[in-house]
N, C-alpha and C. Protein backbone atom coordinates (compact mmCIF):
# COMPACT_ATOMS: atom_id res chain seq x y z
N UNK A 1 18.66 0.74 4.03
CA UNK A 1 18.71 1.50 5.01
C UNK A 1 17.69 2.16 5.03
N UNK A 2 16.51 2.53 5.79
CA UNK A 2 15.25 3.10 5.98
C UNK A 2 15.63 4.41 5.99
N UNK A 3 14.69 5.31 4.90
CA UNK A 3 15.05 6.57 4.87
C UNK A 3 13.38 6.93 6.25
N UNK A 4 13.85 7.47 7.39
CA UNK A 4 12.33 8.07 8.46
C UNK A 4 11.89 9.24 7.90
N UNK A 5 12.44 9.98 6.96
CA UNK A 5 11.95 11.22 6.65
C UNK A 5 10.32 11.19 5.70
N UNK A 6 10.36 9.94 5.08
CA UNK A 6 9.05 9.60 4.28
C UNK A 6 7.98 9.04 5.86
N UNK A 7 8.48 9.35 6.52
CA UNK A 7 7.05 8.42 7.53
C UNK A 7 6.61 9.32 8.56
N UNK A 8 5.08 9.42 8.99
CA UNK A 8 4.69 10.32 9.87
C UNK A 8 5.49 10.39 11.31
N UNK A 9 5.85 11.61 11.66
CA UNK A 9 6.64 12.04 12.73
C UNK A 9 6.27 12.63 13.88
N UNK A 10 5.97 12.08 15.13
CA UNK A 10 5.61 12.95 16.31
C UNK A 10 6.97 13.55 16.74
N UNK A 11 7.48 14.54 17.27
CA UNK A 11 8.40 15.51 17.96
C UNK A 11 8.07 15.60 19.01
N UNK A 12 8.74 14.62 20.33
CA UNK A 12 7.98 14.92 21.92
C UNK A 12 9.40 15.97 22.45
N UNK A 13 10.12 16.54 21.70
CA UNK A 13 11.13 17.48 22.20
C UNK A 13 10.56 18.37 23.03
N UNK A 14 11.12 18.93 24.40
CA UNK A 14 10.18 19.67 25.13
C UNK A 14 9.09 19.57 25.83
N UNK A 15 8.53 17.93 25.74
CA UNK A 15 7.25 17.69 26.43
C UNK A 15 7.71 17.06 27.78
N UNK A 16 6.35 16.75 28.50
CA UNK A 16 6.50 16.19 29.76
C UNK A 16 6.36 15.20 29.70
N UNK A 17 6.33 14.07 30.78
CA UNK A 17 5.86 13.01 31.06
C UNK A 17 4.48 12.76 30.86
N UNK A 18 3.78 13.73 31.52
CA UNK A 18 2.48 13.85 32.03
C UNK A 18 1.52 14.19 30.38
N UNK A 19 2.15 14.77 29.61
CA UNK A 19 1.70 15.17 28.63
C UNK A 19 2.18 14.19 26.91
N UNK A 20 3.42 13.47 27.33
CA UNK A 20 3.44 12.71 26.04
C UNK A 20 2.51 11.33 25.87
N UNK A 21 1.69 10.97 26.68
CA UNK A 21 0.75 9.73 26.69
C UNK A 21 -0.41 10.18 25.75
N UNK A 22 -0.83 11.53 25.74
CA UNK A 22 -1.94 11.79 25.09
C UNK A 22 -1.62 11.97 23.75
N UNK A 23 -0.52 12.91 23.51
CA UNK A 23 0.10 13.08 22.18
C UNK A 23 0.36 11.88 21.32
N UNK A 24 0.96 11.13 22.18
CA UNK A 24 1.41 9.50 21.60
C UNK A 24 0.20 8.86 20.88
N UNK A 25 -0.81 8.72 21.90
CA UNK A 25 -2.33 7.81 21.95
C UNK A 25 -2.78 8.64 20.69
N UNK A 26 -2.99 10.00 20.54
CA UNK A 26 -3.65 10.61 19.43
C UNK A 26 -3.41 10.41 18.27
N UNK A 27 -1.41 10.45 18.05
CA UNK A 27 -0.81 9.97 16.92
C UNK A 27 -0.80 8.77 16.38
N UNK A 28 -0.78 7.90 17.32
CA UNK A 28 -1.23 6.26 16.92
C UNK A 28 -2.32 6.11 16.16
N UNK A 29 -3.63 6.80 17.04
CA UNK A 29 -4.93 6.40 16.92
C UNK A 29 -5.18 7.36 15.06
N UNK A 30 -4.48 8.33 15.05
CA UNK A 30 -4.85 8.83 13.87
C UNK A 30 -4.05 8.39 12.63
N UNK A 31 -3.10 7.43 13.11
CA UNK A 31 -2.32 6.97 11.74
C UNK A 31 -2.97 5.64 11.58
N UNK A 32 -3.38 4.92 12.65
CA UNK A 32 -4.05 3.48 12.47
C UNK A 32 -5.29 3.78 11.40
N UNK A 33 -6.28 5.05 11.66
CA UNK A 33 -7.43 5.47 10.75
C UNK A 33 -6.79 5.77 9.38
N UNK A 34 -5.50 6.22 9.19
CA UNK A 34 -5.11 6.59 7.98
C UNK A 34 -3.98 5.54 7.25
N UNK A 35 -4.42 4.26 7.89
CA UNK A 35 -3.41 2.70 7.48
C UNK A 35 -1.89 3.07 7.27
N UNK A 36 -1.48 3.89 7.84
CA UNK A 36 -0.01 3.99 8.02
C UNK A 36 0.79 2.73 8.75
N UNK A 37 1.29 2.51 7.82
CA UNK A 37 2.00 1.10 8.57
C UNK A 37 3.09 1.55 9.59
N UNK A 38 4.02 2.39 9.07
CA UNK A 38 5.02 2.59 10.04
C UNK A 38 4.81 4.09 10.34
N UNK A 39 5.43 4.46 11.63
CA UNK A 39 5.20 5.79 12.02
C UNK A 39 6.76 6.24 13.03
N UNK A 40 7.12 7.01 13.05
CA UNK A 40 8.41 7.46 13.91
C UNK A 40 8.14 8.25 15.19
N UNK A 41 8.82 8.41 16.10
CA UNK A 41 8.48 9.20 17.52
C UNK A 41 10.11 9.92 17.93
N UNK A 42 10.19 11.01 18.16
CA UNK A 42 11.49 11.55 18.23
C UNK A 42 11.47 12.10 19.39
N UNK A 43 12.29 11.40 20.38
CA UNK A 43 11.82 11.55 21.98
C UNK A 43 13.32 12.07 22.58
N UNK A 44 14.49 12.18 21.57
CA UNK A 44 15.86 12.69 22.09
C UNK A 44 16.48 11.89 23.08
N UNK A 45 17.50 12.35 22.99
CA UNK A 45 18.83 11.18 24.03
C UNK A 45 19.32 11.53 25.11
N UNK A 46 18.98 12.83 25.35
CA UNK A 46 19.61 13.60 26.51
C UNK A 46 19.31 12.37 27.94
N UNK A 47 18.26 12.50 28.55
CA UNK A 47 18.25 12.08 30.09
C UNK A 47 17.48 10.53 29.72
N UNK A 48 16.91 10.16 28.48
CA UNK A 48 16.36 9.15 28.30
C UNK A 48 14.95 8.75 29.19
N UNK A 49 14.83 9.96 29.82
CA UNK A 49 13.26 9.72 30.59
C UNK A 49 12.27 9.74 29.42
N UNK A 50 12.22 10.54 28.61
CA UNK A 50 11.07 10.38 27.66
C UNK A 50 10.90 9.06 26.57
N UNK A 51 12.36 8.50 26.22
CA UNK A 51 12.41 7.09 25.52
C UNK A 51 11.44 6.21 26.39
N UNK A 52 12.36 6.16 27.78
CA UNK A 52 11.35 5.17 28.69
C UNK A 52 9.83 5.39 28.94
N UNK A 53 9.55 6.08 28.70
CA UNK A 53 8.06 6.62 29.08
C UNK A 53 7.08 5.98 27.65
N UNK A 54 8.02 6.44 26.87
CA UNK A 54 7.41 6.35 25.33
C UNK A 54 7.26 4.83 25.17
N UNK A 55 8.40 4.04 25.29
CA UNK A 55 8.43 2.60 25.44
C UNK A 55 7.50 1.72 26.23
N UNK A 56 7.42 2.24 27.51
CA UNK A 56 6.61 2.06 28.28
C UNK A 56 4.78 2.22 27.86
N UNK A 57 4.70 3.22 27.24
CA UNK A 57 3.48 3.33 26.78
C UNK A 57 3.02 2.62 25.71
N UNK A 58 3.99 2.44 24.57
CA UNK A 58 4.02 1.62 23.57
C UNK A 58 3.69 0.16 24.15
N UNK A 59 4.49 -0.43 24.54
CA UNK A 59 4.50 -1.62 25.04
C UNK A 59 2.89 -2.17 25.84
N UNK A 60 2.09 -0.79 26.15
CA UNK A 60 0.80 -1.54 26.67
C UNK A 60 -0.29 -1.10 25.81
N UNK A 61 -0.06 -0.81 24.13
CA UNK A 61 -0.48 0.15 23.40
C UNK A 61 -1.25 -1.36 22.47
N UNK A 62 -2.56 -1.68 22.23
CA UNK A 62 -2.87 -2.67 21.32
C UNK A 62 -2.86 -2.65 19.77
N UNK A 63 -2.60 -1.20 19.35
CA UNK A 63 -2.46 -1.09 18.03
C UNK A 63 -0.92 -1.33 17.60
N UNK A 64 -0.10 -1.42 18.33
CA UNK A 64 1.30 -1.53 17.93
C UNK A 64 1.79 -3.25 17.92
N UNK A 65 2.43 -3.29 16.76
CA UNK A 65 2.87 -4.42 16.35
C UNK A 65 4.06 -4.57 16.95
N UNK A 66 5.21 -3.68 16.37
CA UNK A 66 6.66 -3.76 16.86
C UNK A 66 6.91 -2.75 17.19
N UNK A 67 8.12 -2.17 17.83
CA UNK A 67 8.84 -0.75 17.57
C UNK A 67 9.90 -1.31 18.40
N UNK A 68 11.27 -0.60 17.68
CA UNK A 68 12.83 -0.47 18.28
C UNK A 68 13.22 1.05 18.09
N UNK A 69 14.45 0.93 18.58
CA UNK A 69 15.24 2.67 18.50
C UNK A 69 15.89 2.13 16.85
N UNK A 70 16.08 3.41 16.39
CA UNK A 70 16.57 3.67 15.40
C UNK A 70 17.97 3.61 14.98
N UNK A 71 18.27 2.26 14.07
CA UNK A 71 19.86 2.16 14.41
C UNK A 71 20.46 3.15 14.21
N UNK A 72 20.54 4.19 13.68
CA UNK A 72 21.82 5.08 13.58
C UNK A 72 21.42 6.34 14.55
N UNK A 73 19.96 6.47 14.89
CA UNK A 73 19.93 7.56 15.91
C UNK A 73 19.30 6.95 17.13
N UNK A 74 19.77 6.92 18.46
CA UNK A 74 18.76 6.41 19.61
C UNK A 74 17.92 7.22 19.96
N UNK A 75 17.67 8.31 19.67
CA UNK A 75 17.00 9.48 20.04
C UNK A 75 15.67 9.18 18.87
N UNK A 76 15.25 8.10 18.51
CA UNK A 76 14.26 8.19 17.68
C UNK A 76 13.66 6.58 17.66
N UNK A 77 12.40 6.66 17.86
CA UNK A 77 11.59 5.15 17.88
C UNK A 77 10.91 4.89 16.65
N UNK A 78 11.29 3.52 15.67
CA UNK A 78 10.29 3.21 14.63
C UNK A 78 9.35 2.66 15.29
N UNK A 79 7.76 2.99 14.87
CA UNK A 79 6.86 1.84 15.25
C UNK A 79 6.01 1.21 14.15
N UNK A 80 6.41 -0.18 14.05
CA UNK A 80 5.29 -0.78 13.21
C UNK A 80 3.74 -0.52 13.61
N UNK A 81 2.78 -0.29 13.09
CA UNK A 81 1.75 -0.61 13.61
C UNK A 81 0.65 -1.78 12.74
N UNK A 82 -0.56 -2.02 13.53
CA UNK A 82 -1.36 -3.22 13.47
C UNK A 82 -2.31 -2.40 12.50
N UNK A 83 -2.27 -2.50 10.96
CA UNK A 83 -3.43 -2.09 10.10
C UNK A 83 -4.10 -2.76 9.40
């Protein structure tokens, strides 16, 4: 089982669709520079609007190897970066 608490995490609770792209882009770029291979984004479970937007942005970013919802918590996306 993967313990997500040891990976860099971006919490997007309370953010809007307009602000998450900037936050997500900066978070990914910073962790690529730091050579972190796995990072975590917390978007929550409620209406799934943030999850859909996060996944849309991740699918367009060249720095992303793969991403998937956490198996135990579908309010969290685990991302593998190209380093």
